[in-house]
Full PDB file with SEQRES, HELIX, SHEET, SSBOND, CRYST1, ORIGX, SCALE, CONECT and MASTER records, all heavy atoms in Angstrom:
SEQRES   1 A   40  PHE GLU GLU PHE LYS GLU ASN ILE LEU LYS GLY LYS ASN          
SEQRES   2 A   40  MET PHE SER LYS VAL ASP ILE PRO SER GLY THR THR VAL          
SEQRES   3 A   40  LYS GLY SER ILE LYS THR ILE ASP ARG PHE ASP HIS THR          
SEQRES   4 A   40  PHE                                                          
HELIX    1 AA1 GLU A    2  LYS A   10  1                                   9    
SHEET    1 AA1 2 SER A  16  ILE A  20  0                                        
SHEET    2 AA1 2 GLY A  23  LYS A  27 -1                                        
CRYST1    1.000    1.000    1.000  90.00  90.00  90.00 P 1           1          
ORIGX1      1.000000  0.000000  0.000000        0.00000                         
ORIGX2      0.000000  1.000000  0.000000        0.00000                         
ORIGX3      0.000000  0.000000  1.000000        0.00000                         
SCALE1      1.000000  0.000000  0.000000        0.00000                         
SCALE2      0.000000  1.000000  0.000000        0.00000                         
SCALE3      0.000000  0.000000  1.000000        0.00000                         
ATOM      1  N   PHE A   1       0.809  -1.209  -0.004  1.00  0.00           N  
ATOM      2  CA  PHE A   1      -0.014   0.036   0.034  1.00  0.00           C  
ATOM      3  C   PHE A   1       0.898   1.282  -0.008  1.00  0.00           C  
ATOM      4  O   PHE A   1       0.517   2.220  -0.627  1.00  0.00           O  
ATOM      5  CB  PHE A   1      -0.913  -0.015   1.213  1.00  0.00           C  
ATOM      6  CG  PHE A   1      -1.844   1.230   1.393  1.00  0.00           C  
ATOM      7  CD1 PHE A   1      -2.798   1.473   0.380  1.00  0.00           C  
ATOM      8  CD2 PHE A   1      -1.508   2.173   2.351  1.00  0.00           C  
ATOM      9  CE1 PHE A   1      -3.624   2.685   0.536  1.00  0.00           C  
ATOM     10  CE2 PHE A   1      -2.249   3.252   2.414  1.00  0.00           C  
ATOM     11  CZ  PHE A   1      -3.321   3.561   1.539  1.00  0.00           C  
ATOM     12  N   GLU A   2       1.965   1.269   0.730  1.00  0.00           N  
ATOM     13  CA  GLU A   2       2.766   2.411   0.809  1.00  0.00           C  
ATOM     14  C   GLU A   2       3.465   2.751  -0.589  1.00  0.00           C  
ATOM     15  O   GLU A   2       3.522   3.940  -0.996  1.00  0.00           O  
ATOM     16  CB  GLU A   2       3.891   2.208   1.804  1.00  0.00           C  
ATOM     17  CG  GLU A   2       3.477   2.335   3.291  1.00  0.00           C  
ATOM     18  CD  GLU A   2       2.903   3.760   3.581  1.00  0.00           C  
ATOM     19  OE1 GLU A   2       3.420   4.689   3.202  1.00  0.00           O  
ATOM     20  OE2 GLU A   2       1.753   3.693   4.203  1.00  0.00           O  
ATOM     21  N   GLU A   3       3.770   1.686  -1.310  1.00  0.00           N  
ATOM     22  CA  GLU A   3       4.336   1.950  -2.684  1.00  0.00           C  
ATOM     23  C   GLU A   3       3.246   2.395  -3.605  1.00  0.00           C  
ATOM     24  O   GLU A   3       3.467   3.257  -4.493  1.00  0.00           O  
ATOM     25  CB  GLU A   3       4.989   0.635  -3.190  1.00  0.00           C  
ATOM     26  CG  GLU A   3       5.823   0.874  -4.476  1.00  0.00           C  
ATOM     27  CD  GLU A   3       6.616  -0.358  -4.833  1.00  0.00           C  
ATOM     28  OE1 GLU A   3       6.494  -1.403  -4.125  1.00  0.00           O  
ATOM     29  OE2 GLU A   3       7.279  -0.283  -5.892  1.00  0.00           O  
ATOM     30  N   PHE A   4       2.073   1.803  -3.436  1.00  0.00           N  
ATOM     31  CA  PHE A   4       0.933   2.302  -4.277  1.00  0.00           C  
ATOM     32  C   PHE A   4       0.637   3.747  -3.945  1.00  0.00           C  
ATOM     33  O   PHE A   4       0.396   4.546  -4.919  1.00  0.00           O  
ATOM     34  CB  PHE A   4      -0.354   1.435  -3.865  1.00  0.00           C  
ATOM     35  CG  PHE A   4      -1.663   2.027  -4.394  1.00  0.00           C  
ATOM     36  CD1 PHE A   4      -1.977   1.856  -5.744  1.00  0.00           C  
ATOM     37  CD2 PHE A   4      -2.549   2.537  -3.482  1.00  0.00           C  
ATOM     38  CE1 PHE A   4      -3.196   2.352  -6.182  1.00  0.00           C  
ATOM     39  CE2 PHE A   4      -3.773   3.067  -3.930  1.00  0.00           C  
ATOM     40  CZ  PHE A   4      -4.015   2.892  -5.330  1.00  0.00           C  
ATOM     41  N   LYS A   5       0.656   4.202  -2.724  1.00  0.00           N  
ATOM     42  CA  LYS A   5       0.469   5.550  -2.315  1.00  0.00           C  
ATOM     43  C   LYS A   5       1.460   6.479  -2.940  1.00  0.00           C  
ATOM     44  O   LYS A   5       1.148   7.534  -3.547  1.00  0.00           O  
ATOM     45  CB  LYS A   5       0.514   5.652  -0.800  1.00  0.00           C  
ATOM     46  CG  LYS A   5       0.304   7.040  -0.236  1.00  0.00           C  
ATOM     47  CD  LYS A   5       0.403   7.008   1.349  1.00  0.00           C  
ATOM     48  CE  LYS A   5       0.283   8.408   1.912  1.00  0.00           C  
ATOM     49  NZ  LYS A   5       0.362   8.349   3.369  1.00  0.00           N  
ATOM     50  N   GLU A   6       2.738   6.102  -2.892  1.00  0.00           N  
ATOM     51  CA  GLU A   6       3.751   6.942  -3.491  1.00  0.00           C  
ATOM     52  C   GLU A   6       3.614   7.035  -5.054  1.00  0.00           C  
ATOM     53  O   GLU A   6       3.774   8.153  -5.610  1.00  0.00           O  
ATOM     54  CB  GLU A   6       5.150   6.300  -3.113  1.00  0.00           C  
ATOM     55  CG  GLU A   6       6.308   7.077  -3.778  1.00  0.00           C  
ATOM     56  CD  GLU A   6       7.650   6.452  -3.411  1.00  0.00           C  
ATOM     57  OE1 GLU A   6       7.703   5.509  -2.577  1.00  0.00           O  
ATOM     58  OE2 GLU A   6       8.653   6.802  -4.024  1.00  0.00           O  
ATOM     59  N   ASN A   7       3.370   5.832  -5.626  1.00  0.00           N  
ATOM     60  CA  ASN A   7       3.238   5.923  -7.098  1.00  0.00           C  
ATOM     61  C   ASN A   7       2.021   6.725  -7.605  1.00  0.00           C  
ATOM     62  O   ASN A   7       2.106   7.494  -8.557  1.00  0.00           O  
ATOM     63  CB  ASN A   7       3.121   4.488  -7.619  1.00  0.00           C  
ATOM     64  CG  ASN A   7       4.388   3.782  -7.507  1.00  0.00           C  
ATOM     65  OD1 ASN A   7       5.497   4.375  -7.479  1.00  0.00           O  
ATOM     66  ND2 ASN A   7       4.439   2.425  -7.508  1.00  0.00           N  
ATOM     67  N   ILE A   8       0.896   6.549  -6.877  1.00  0.00           N  
ATOM     68  CA  ILE A   8      -0.364   7.241  -7.399  1.00  0.00           C  
ATOM     69  C   ILE A   8      -0.230   8.763  -7.206  1.00  0.00           C  
ATOM     70  O   ILE A   8      -0.753   9.543  -7.938  1.00  0.00           O  
ATOM     71  CB  ILE A   8      -1.574   6.558  -6.796  1.00  0.00           C  
ATOM     72  CG1 ILE A   8      -2.813   6.918  -7.652  1.00  0.00           C  
ATOM     73  CG2 ILE A   8      -1.763   6.912  -5.316  1.00  0.00           C  
ATOM     74  CD1 ILE A   8      -4.052   6.155  -7.233  1.00  0.00           C  
ATOM     75  N   LEU A   9       0.356   9.092  -6.103  1.00  0.00           N  
ATOM     76  CA  LEU A   9       0.485  10.513  -5.786  1.00  0.00           C  
ATOM     77  C   LEU A   9       1.425  11.282  -6.744  1.00  0.00           C  
ATOM     78  O   LEU A   9       1.321  12.382  -7.093  1.00  0.00           O  
ATOM     79  CB  LEU A   9       0.980  10.785  -4.329  1.00  0.00           C  
ATOM     80  CG  LEU A   9      -0.068  10.595  -3.259  1.00  0.00           C  
ATOM     81  CD1 LEU A   9       0.554  10.622  -1.838  1.00  0.00           C  
ATOM     82  CD2 LEU A   9      -1.233  11.596  -3.402  1.00  0.00           C  
ATOM     83  N   LYS A  10       2.536  10.484  -7.196  1.00  0.00           N  
ATOM     84  CA  LYS A  10       3.463  11.021  -8.175  1.00  0.00           C  
ATOM     85  C   LYS A  10       3.020  10.894  -9.601  1.00  0.00           C  
ATOM     86  O   LYS A  10       3.669  11.405 -10.505  1.00  0.00           O  
ATOM     87  CB  LYS A  10       4.800  10.365  -7.963  1.00  0.00           C  
ATOM     88  CG  LYS A  10       5.548  10.748  -6.665  1.00  0.00           C  
ATOM     89  CD  LYS A  10       6.912  10.087  -6.538  1.00  0.00           C  
ATOM     90  CE  LYS A  10       7.550  10.429  -5.277  1.00  0.00           C  
ATOM     91  NZ  LYS A  10       8.961   9.822  -5.162  1.00  0.00           N  
ATOM     92  N   GLY A  11       1.916  10.197  -9.774  1.00  0.00           N  
ATOM     93  CA  GLY A  11       1.363   9.967 -11.199  1.00  0.00           C  
ATOM     94  C   GLY A  11       2.213   9.131 -11.948  1.00  0.00           C  
ATOM     95  O   GLY A  11       2.265   9.250 -13.217  1.00  0.00           O  
ATOM     96  N   LYS A  12       2.930   8.178 -11.357  1.00  0.00           N  
ATOM     97  CA  LYS A  12       3.789   7.280 -12.128  1.00  0.00           C  
ATOM     98  C   LYS A  12       2.954   6.276 -12.961  1.00  0.00           C  
ATOM     99  O   LYS A  12       1.911   5.876 -12.572  1.00  0.00           O  
ATOM    100  CB  LYS A  12       4.639   6.410 -11.137  1.00  0.00           C  
ATOM    101  CG  LYS A  12       5.783   7.210 -10.542  1.00  0.00           C  
ATOM    102  CD  LYS A  12       6.726   6.373  -9.684  1.00  0.00           C  
ATOM    103  CE  LYS A  12       7.839   7.116  -9.045  1.00  0.00           C  
ATOM    104  NZ  LYS A  12       8.753   6.218  -8.340  1.00  0.00           N  
ATOM    105  N   ASN A  13       3.514   5.929 -14.088  1.00  0.00           N  
ATOM    106  CA  ASN A  13       2.923   4.911 -14.970  1.00  0.00           C  
ATOM    107  C   ASN A  13       2.976   3.533 -14.334  1.00  0.00           C  
ATOM    108  O   ASN A  13       4.064   2.990 -14.133  1.00  0.00           O  
ATOM    109  CB  ASN A  13       3.580   4.889 -16.312  1.00  0.00           C  
ATOM    110  CG  ASN A  13       2.962   3.951 -17.389  1.00  0.00           C  
ATOM    111  OD1 ASN A  13       1.878   3.434 -17.067  1.00  0.00           O  
ATOM    112  ND2 ASN A  13       3.621   3.688 -18.441  1.00  0.00           N  
ATOM    113  N   MET A  14       1.928   2.876 -14.058  1.00  0.00           N  
ATOM    114  CA  MET A  14       1.918   1.518 -13.404  1.00  0.00           C  
ATOM    115  C   MET A  14       1.448   0.484 -14.308  1.00  0.00           C  
ATOM    116  O   MET A  14       1.146  -0.617 -13.888  1.00  0.00           O  
ATOM    117  CB  MET A  14       1.033   1.658 -12.141  1.00  0.00           C  
ATOM    118  CG  MET A  14       1.557   2.417 -10.995  1.00  0.00           C  
ATOM    119  SD  MET A  14       0.583   2.390  -9.453  1.00  0.00           S  
ATOM    120  CE  MET A  14      -0.329   3.929  -9.654  1.00  0.00           C  
ATOM    121  N   PHE A  15       1.541   0.773 -15.701  1.00  0.00           N  
ATOM    122  CA  PHE A  15       1.106  -0.286 -16.617  1.00  0.00           C  
ATOM    123  C   PHE A  15       2.306  -0.892 -17.286  1.00  0.00           C  
ATOM    124  O   PHE A  15       3.476  -0.378 -17.282  1.00  0.00           O  
ATOM    125  CB  PHE A  15       0.285   0.460 -17.769  1.00  0.00           C  
ATOM    126  CG  PHE A  15      -1.094   0.876 -17.361  1.00  0.00           C  
ATOM    127  CD1 PHE A  15      -1.327   2.232 -16.962  1.00  0.00           C  
ATOM    128  CD2 PHE A  15      -2.094   0.019 -17.328  1.00  0.00           C  
ATOM    129  CE1 PHE A  15      -2.581   2.622 -16.619  1.00  0.00           C  
ATOM    130  CE2 PHE A  15      -3.404   0.387 -16.938  1.00  0.00           C  
ATOM    131  CZ  PHE A  15      -3.611   1.763 -16.641  1.00  0.00           C  
ATOM    132  N   SER A  16       2.090  -2.084 -17.743  1.00  0.00           N  
ATOM    133  CA  SER A  16       3.167  -2.823 -18.510  1.00  0.00           C  
ATOM    134  C   SER A  16       2.628  -3.289 -19.824  1.00  0.00           C  
ATOM    135  O   SER A  16       1.422  -3.501 -20.021  1.00  0.00           O  
ATOM    136  CB  SER A  16       3.568  -4.094 -17.723  1.00  0.00           C  
ATOM    137  OG  SER A  16       3.949  -3.742 -16.397  1.00  0.00           O  
ATOM    138  N   LYS A  17       3.504  -3.364 -20.856  1.00  0.00           N  
ATOM    139  CA  LYS A  17       3.095  -3.803 -22.130  1.00  0.00           C  
ATOM    140  C   LYS A  17       2.879  -5.320 -22.231  1.00  0.00           C  
ATOM    141  O   LYS A  17       3.636  -6.058 -21.578  1.00  0.00           O  
ATOM    142  CB  LYS A  17       4.101  -3.485 -23.189  1.00  0.00           C  
ATOM    143  CG  LYS A  17       4.220  -1.910 -23.551  1.00  0.00           C  
ATOM    144  CD  LYS A  17       5.175  -1.620 -24.641  1.00  0.00           C  
ATOM    145  CE  LYS A  17       5.153  -0.184 -25.018  1.00  0.00           C  
ATOM    146  NZ  LYS A  17       6.069   0.188 -26.130  1.00  0.00           N  
ATOM    147  N   VAL A  18       1.879  -5.735 -22.904  1.00  0.00           N  
ATOM    148  CA  VAL A  18       1.544  -7.213 -23.064  1.00  0.00           C  
ATOM    149  C   VAL A  18       1.330  -7.487 -24.509  1.00  0.00           C  
ATOM    150  O   VAL A  18       0.526  -6.816 -25.203  1.00  0.00           O  
ATOM    151  CB  VAL A  18       0.341  -7.530 -22.293  1.00  0.00           C  
ATOM    152  CG1 VAL A  18      -0.052  -8.982 -22.445  1.00  0.00           C  
ATOM    153  CG2 VAL A  18       0.498  -7.228 -20.831  1.00  0.00           C  
ATOM    154  N   ASP A  19       1.980  -8.524 -25.057  1.00  0.00           N  
ATOM    155  CA  ASP A  19       1.733  -8.935 -26.406  1.00  0.00           C  
ATOM    156  C   ASP A  19       0.546  -9.932 -26.445  1.00  0.00           C  
ATOM    157  O   ASP A  19       0.514 -10.836 -25.734  1.00  0.00           O  
ATOM    158  CB  ASP A  19       2.980  -9.621 -27.026  1.00  0.00           C  
ATOM    159  CG  ASP A  19       4.131  -8.641 -27.185  1.00  0.00           C  
ATOM    160  OD1 ASP A  19       3.822  -7.480 -27.539  1.00  0.00           O  
ATOM    161  OD2 ASP A  19       5.254  -9.120 -26.998  1.00  0.00           O  
ATOM    162  N   ILE A  20      -0.443  -9.648 -27.358  1.00  0.00           N  
ATOM    163  CA  ILE A  20      -1.542 -10.496 -27.534  1.00  0.00           C  
ATOM    164  C   ILE A  20      -1.626 -10.912 -29.028  1.00  0.00           C  
ATOM    165  O   ILE A  20      -0.903 -10.315 -29.806  1.00  0.00           O  
ATOM    166  CB  ILE A  20      -2.868  -9.822 -27.030  1.00  0.00           C  
ATOM    167  CG1 ILE A  20      -3.058  -8.472 -27.849  1.00  0.00           C  
ATOM    168  CG2 ILE A  20      -2.833  -9.532 -25.568  1.00  0.00           C  
ATOM    169  CD1 ILE A  20      -4.427  -7.862 -27.514  1.00  0.00           C  
ATOM    170  N   PRO A  21      -2.474 -11.920 -29.343  1.00  0.00           N  
ATOM    171  CA  PRO A  21      -2.446 -12.386 -30.720  1.00  0.00           C  
ATOM    172  C   PRO A  21      -2.699 -11.298 -31.749  1.00  0.00           C  
ATOM    173  O   PRO A  21      -2.154 -11.399 -32.845  1.00  0.00           O  
ATOM    174  CB  PRO A  21      -3.666 -13.387 -30.673  1.00  0.00           C  
ATOM    175  CG  PRO A  21      -3.667 -13.876 -29.304  1.00  0.00           C  
ATOM    176  CD  PRO A  21      -3.353 -12.720 -28.420  1.00  0.00           C  
ATOM    177  N   SER A  22      -3.468 -10.263 -31.404  1.00  0.00           N  
ATOM    178  CA  SER A  22      -3.841  -9.260 -32.468  1.00  0.00           C  
ATOM    179  C   SER A  22      -2.967  -8.036 -32.332  1.00  0.00           C  
ATOM    180  O   SER A  22      -3.220  -7.060 -32.870  1.00  0.00           O  
ATOM    181  CB  SER A  22      -5.270  -8.911 -32.335  1.00  0.00           C  
ATOM    182  OG  SER A  22      -5.631  -8.487 -31.033  1.00  0.00           O  
ATOM    183  N   GLY A  23      -1.923  -8.024 -31.470  1.00  0.00           N  
ATOM    184  CA  GLY A  23      -1.094  -6.859 -31.407  1.00  0.00           C  
ATOM    185  C   GLY A  23      -0.565  -6.718 -29.991  1.00  0.00           C  
ATOM    186  O   GLY A  23      -0.228  -7.709 -29.286  1.00  0.00           O  
ATOM    187  N   THR A  24      -0.372  -5.505 -29.492  1.00  0.00           N  
ATOM    188  CA  THR A  24       0.162  -5.189 -28.195  1.00  0.00           C  
ATOM    189  C   THR A  24      -0.803  -4.308 -27.426  1.00  0.00           C  
ATOM    190  O   THR A  24      -1.406  -3.360 -28.007  1.00  0.00           O  
ATOM    191  CB  THR A  24       1.500  -4.438 -28.316  1.00  0.00           C  
ATOM    192  OG1 THR A  24       2.405  -5.361 -29.070  1.00  0.00           O  
ATOM    193  CG2 THR A  24       2.081  -4.217 -26.998  1.00  0.00           C  
ATOM    194  N   THR A  25      -0.978  -4.599 -26.189  1.00  0.00           N  
ATOM    195  CA  THR A  25      -1.787  -3.739 -25.352  1.00  0.00           C  
ATOM    196  C   THR A  25      -1.059  -3.516 -24.030  1.00  0.00           C  
ATOM    197  O   THR A  25       0.130  -3.865 -23.927  1.00  0.00           O  
ATOM    198  CB  THR A  25      -3.213  -4.460 -25.144  1.00  0.00           C  
ATOM    199  OG1 THR A  25      -4.026  -3.517 -24.268  1.00  0.00           O  
ATOM    200  CG2 THR A  25      -3.004  -5.769 -24.303  1.00  0.00           C  
ATOM    201  N   VAL A  26      -1.684  -2.947 -23.063  1.00  0.00           N  
ATOM    202  CA  VAL A  26      -1.011  -2.781 -21.771  1.00  0.00           C  
ATOM    203  C   VAL A  26      -1.970  -3.271 -20.680  1.00  0.00           C  
ATOM    204  O   VAL A  26      -3.245  -3.352 -20.876  1.00  0.00           O  
ATOM    205  CB  VAL A  26      -0.818  -1.289 -21.579  1.00  0.00           C  
ATOM    206  CG1 VAL A  26       0.259  -0.758 -22.423  1.00  0.00           C  
ATOM    207  CG2 VAL A  26      -1.987  -0.382 -21.616  1.00  0.00           C  
ATOM    208  N   LYS A  27      -1.428  -3.572 -19.590  1.00  0.00           N  
ATOM    209  CA  LYS A  27      -2.192  -4.035 -18.406  1.00  0.00           C  
ATOM    210  C   LYS A  27      -1.420  -3.591 -17.110  1.00  0.00           C  
ATOM    211  O   LYS A  27      -0.222  -3.402 -17.218  1.00  0.00           O  
ATOM    212  CB  LYS A  27      -2.572  -5.511 -18.416  1.00  0.00           C  
ATOM    213  CG  LYS A  27      -1.383  -6.448 -18.041  1.00  0.00           C  
ATOM    214  CD  LYS A  27      -1.838  -7.911 -17.944  1.00  0.00           C  
ATOM    215  CE  LYS A  27      -0.798  -8.776 -17.443  1.00  0.00           C  
ATOM    216  NZ  LYS A  27      -1.203 -10.151 -17.184  1.00  0.00           N  
ATOM    217  N   GLY A  28      -2.201  -3.646 -16.055  1.00  0.00           N  
ATOM    218  CA  GLY A  28      -1.554  -3.419 -14.758  1.00  0.00           C  
ATOM    219  C   GLY A  28      -1.226  -4.689 -14.113  1.00  0.00           C  
ATOM    220  O   GLY A  28      -2.068  -5.521 -13.748  1.00  0.00           O  
ATOM    221  N   SER A  29       0.116  -5.058 -14.011  1.00  0.00           N  
ATOM    222  CA  SER A  29       0.445  -6.307 -13.420  1.00  0.00           C  
ATOM    223  C   SER A  29       1.227  -6.209 -12.121  1.00  0.00           C  
ATOM    224  O   SER A  29       2.034  -5.300 -11.742  1.00  0.00           O  
ATOM    225  CB  SER A  29       1.613  -6.908 -14.371  1.00  0.00           C  
ATOM    226  OG  SER A  29       1.064  -7.065 -15.689  1.00  0.00           O  
ATOM    227  N   ILE A  30       0.853  -7.116 -11.147  1.00  0.00           N  
ATOM    228  CA  ILE A  30       1.534  -7.225  -9.876  1.00  0.00           C  
ATOM    229  C   ILE A  30       2.948  -7.764 -10.119  1.00  0.00           C  
ATOM    230  O   ILE A  30       3.171  -8.679 -10.906  1.00  0.00           O  
ATOM    231  CB  ILE A  30       0.740  -8.161  -8.985  1.00  0.00           C  
ATOM    232  CG1 ILE A  30      -0.618  -7.579  -8.625  1.00  0.00           C  
ATOM    233  CG2 ILE A  30       1.501  -8.473  -7.701  1.00  0.00           C  
ATOM    234  CD1 ILE A  30      -1.528  -8.357  -7.691  1.00  0.00           C  
ATOM    235  N   LYS A  31       3.866  -7.174  -9.395  1.00  0.00           N  
ATOM    236  CA  LYS A  31       5.268  -7.465  -9.583  1.00  0.00           C  
ATOM    237  C   LYS A  31       5.737  -8.867  -9.110  1.00  0.00           C  
ATOM    238  O   LYS A  31       6.449  -9.592  -9.801  1.00  0.00           O  
ATOM    239  CB  LYS A  31       6.130  -6.400  -8.946  1.00  0.00           C  
ATOM    240  CG  LYS A  31       6.060  -5.054  -9.558  1.00  0.00           C  
ATOM    241  CD  LYS A  31       7.194  -4.130  -9.117  1.00  0.00           C  
ATOM    242  CE  LYS A  31       7.003  -3.698  -7.698  1.00  0.00           C  
ATOM    243  NZ  LYS A  31       8.060  -2.642  -7.292  1.00  0.00           N  
ATOM    244  N   THR A  32       5.307  -9.216  -7.941  1.00  0.00           N  
ATOM    245  CA  THR A  32       5.825 -10.441  -7.348  1.00  0.00           C  
ATOM    246  C   THR A  32       4.626 -11.421  -6.949  1.00  0.00           C  
ATOM    247  O   THR A  32       3.803 -11.097  -6.122  1.00  0.00           O  
ATOM    248  CB  THR A  32       6.631 -10.174  -6.047  1.00  0.00           C  
ATOM    249  OG1 THR A  32       7.637  -9.239  -6.325  1.00  0.00           O  
ATOM    250  CG2 THR A  32       7.245 -11.411  -5.504  1.00  0.00           C  
ATOM    251  N   ILE A  33       4.598 -12.598  -7.670  1.00  0.00           N  
ATOM    252  CA  ILE A  33       3.500 -13.525  -7.337  1.00  0.00           C  
ATOM    253  C   ILE A  33       4.065 -14.902  -7.025  1.00  0.00           C  
ATOM    254  O   ILE A  33       3.274 -15.811  -6.751  1.00  0.00           O  
ATOM    255  CB  ILE A  33       2.548 -13.597  -8.497  1.00  0.00           C  
ATOM    256  CG1 ILE A  33       3.209 -14.095  -9.790  1.00  0.00           C  
ATOM    257  CG2 ILE A  33       1.878 -12.265  -8.717  1.00  0.00           C  
ATOM    258  CD1 ILE A  33       2.294 -14.473 -10.838  1.00  0.00           C  
ATOM    259  N   ASP A  34       5.400 -15.115  -7.109  1.00  0.00           N  
ATOM    260  CA  ASP A  34       5.869 -16.492  -7.020  1.00  0.00           C  
ATOM    261  C   ASP A  34       6.508 -16.828  -5.697  1.00  0.00           C  
ATOM    262  O   ASP A  34       7.253 -17.742  -5.534  1.00  0.00           O  
ATOM    263  CB  ASP A  34       6.984 -16.646  -8.105  1.00  0.00           C  
ATOM    264  CG  ASP A  34       8.056 -15.608  -8.076  1.00  0.00           C  
ATOM    265  OD1 ASP A  34       7.961 -14.610  -7.250  1.00  0.00           O  
ATOM    266  OD2 ASP A  34       9.075 -15.831  -8.800  1.00  0.00           O  
ATOM    267  N   ARG A  35       6.132 -16.086  -4.650  1.00  0.00           N  
ATOM    268  CA  ARG A  35       6.684 -16.328  -3.279  1.00  0.00           C  
ATOM    269  C   ARG A  35       5.558 -16.561  -2.327  1.00  0.00           C  
ATOM    270  O   ARG A  35       4.560 -15.800  -2.301  1.00  0.00           O  
ATOM    271  CB  ARG A  35       7.587 -15.154  -2.812  1.00  0.00           C  
ATOM    272  CG  ARG A  35       8.698 -14.849  -3.783  1.00  0.00           C  
ATOM    273  CD  ARG A  35       9.429 -13.587  -3.380  1.00  0.00           C  
ATOM    274  NE  ARG A  35      10.375 -13.108  -4.275  1.00  0.00           N  
ATOM    275  CZ  ARG A  35      10.950 -11.893  -4.273  1.00  0.00           C  
ATOM    276  NH1 ARG A  35      10.731 -11.039  -3.244  1.00  0.00           N  
ATOM    277  NH2 ARG A  35      11.844 -11.571  -5.172  1.00  0.00           N  
ATOM    278  N   PHE A  36       5.648 -17.622  -1.546  1.00  0.00           N  
ATOM    279  CA  PHE A  36       4.637 -17.811  -0.547  1.00  0.00           C  
ATOM    280  C   PHE A  36       5.195 -18.640   0.595  1.00  0.00           C  
ATOM    281  O   PHE A  36       5.752 -19.765   0.410  1.00  0.00           O  
ATOM    282  CB  PHE A  36       3.380 -18.599  -1.124  1.00  0.00           C  
ATOM    283  CG  PHE A  36       2.343 -18.853  -0.178  1.00  0.00           C  
ATOM    284  CD1 PHE A  36       1.697 -17.796   0.494  1.00  0.00           C  
ATOM    285  CD2 PHE A  36       1.899 -20.076   0.157  1.00  0.00           C  
ATOM    286  CE1 PHE A  36       0.639 -17.993   1.382  1.00  0.00           C  
ATOM    287  CE2 PHE A  36       0.897 -20.312   1.073  1.00  0.00           C  
ATOM    288  CZ  PHE A  36       0.246 -19.260   1.641  1.00  0.00           C  
ATOM    289  N   ASP A  37       5.219 -18.090   1.780  1.00  0.00           N  
ATOM    290  CA  ASP A  37       5.771 -18.816   3.010  1.00  0.00           C  
ATOM    291  C   ASP A  37       4.626 -19.667   3.632  1.00  0.00           C  
ATOM    292  O   ASP A  37       3.960 -19.319   4.594  1.00  0.00           O  
ATOM    293  CB  ASP A  37       6.169 -17.716   4.011  1.00  0.00           C  
ATOM    294  CG  ASP A  37       6.856 -18.262   5.175  1.00  0.00           C  
ATOM    295  OD1 ASP A  37       7.082 -19.538   5.220  1.00  0.00           O  
ATOM    296  OD2 ASP A  37       7.351 -17.482   6.070  1.00  0.00           O  
ATOM    297  N   HIS A  38       4.420 -20.839   2.955  1.00  0.00           N  
ATOM    298  CA  HIS A  38       3.332 -21.670   3.338  1.00  0.00           C  
ATOM    299  C   HIS A  38       3.284 -22.224   4.777  1.00  0.00           C  
ATOM    300  O   HIS A  38       2.342 -22.378   5.442  1.00  0.00           O  
ATOM    301  CB  HIS A  38       3.160 -22.795   2.338  1.00  0.00           C  
ATOM    302  CG  HIS A  38       4.328 -23.721   2.314  1.00  0.00           C  
ATOM    303  ND1 HIS A  38       5.462 -23.454   1.591  1.00  0.00           N  
ATOM    304  CD2 HIS A  38       4.506 -25.018   2.913  1.00  0.00           C  
ATOM    305  CE1 HIS A  38       6.274 -24.522   1.769  1.00  0.00           C  
ATOM    306  NE2 HIS A  38       5.757 -25.393   2.552  1.00  0.00           N  
ATOM    307  N   THR A  39       4.590 -22.485   5.359  1.00  0.00           N  
ATOM    308  CA  THR A  39       4.568 -22.965   6.726  1.00  0.00           C  
ATOM    309  C   THR A  39       4.053 -21.889   7.715  1.00  0.00           C  
ATOM    310  O   THR A  39       3.638 -22.417   8.782  1.00  0.00           O  
ATOM    311  CB  THR A  39       6.027 -23.399   7.049  1.00  0.00           C  
ATOM    312  OG1 THR A  39       6.869 -22.339   6.912  1.00  0.00           O  
ATOM    313  CG2 THR A  39       6.468 -24.517   6.124  1.00  0.00           C  
ATOM    314  N   PHE A  40       4.212 -20.651   7.412  1.00  0.00           N  
ATOM    315  CA  PHE A  40       3.668 -19.687   8.350  1.00  0.00           C  
ATOM    316  C   PHE A  40       2.220 -19.773   8.506  1.00  0.00           C  
ATOM    317  O   PHE A  40       1.689 -19.476   9.537  1.00  0.00           O  
ATOM    318  CB  PHE A  40       4.039 -18.297   7.712  1.00  0.00           C  
ATOM    319  CG  PHE A  40       3.588 -17.130   8.641  1.00  0.00           C  
ATOM    320  CD1 PHE A  40       4.240 -16.827   9.848  1.00  0.00           C  
ATOM    321  CD2 PHE A  40       2.388 -16.351   8.299  1.00  0.00           C  
ATOM    322  CE1 PHE A  40       3.819 -15.799  10.673  1.00  0.00           C  
ATOM    323  CE2 PHE A  40       2.077 -15.306   9.149  1.00  0.00           C  
ATOM    324  CZ  PHE A  40       2.737 -15.057  10.340  1.00  0.00           C  
TER     325      PHE A  40                                                      
MASTER        0    0    0    1    2    0    0    6  324    1    0    4          
END                                                                             
């Protein structure tokens, strides 16, 4: 949330380019999804 707060107040671009079958578009992607401390 703190990074979101900083980015949105500064008007930073939070989109990433994505290639799709009919061309290129953009989407908002979460940076880290491959970590999970399951034993916790």
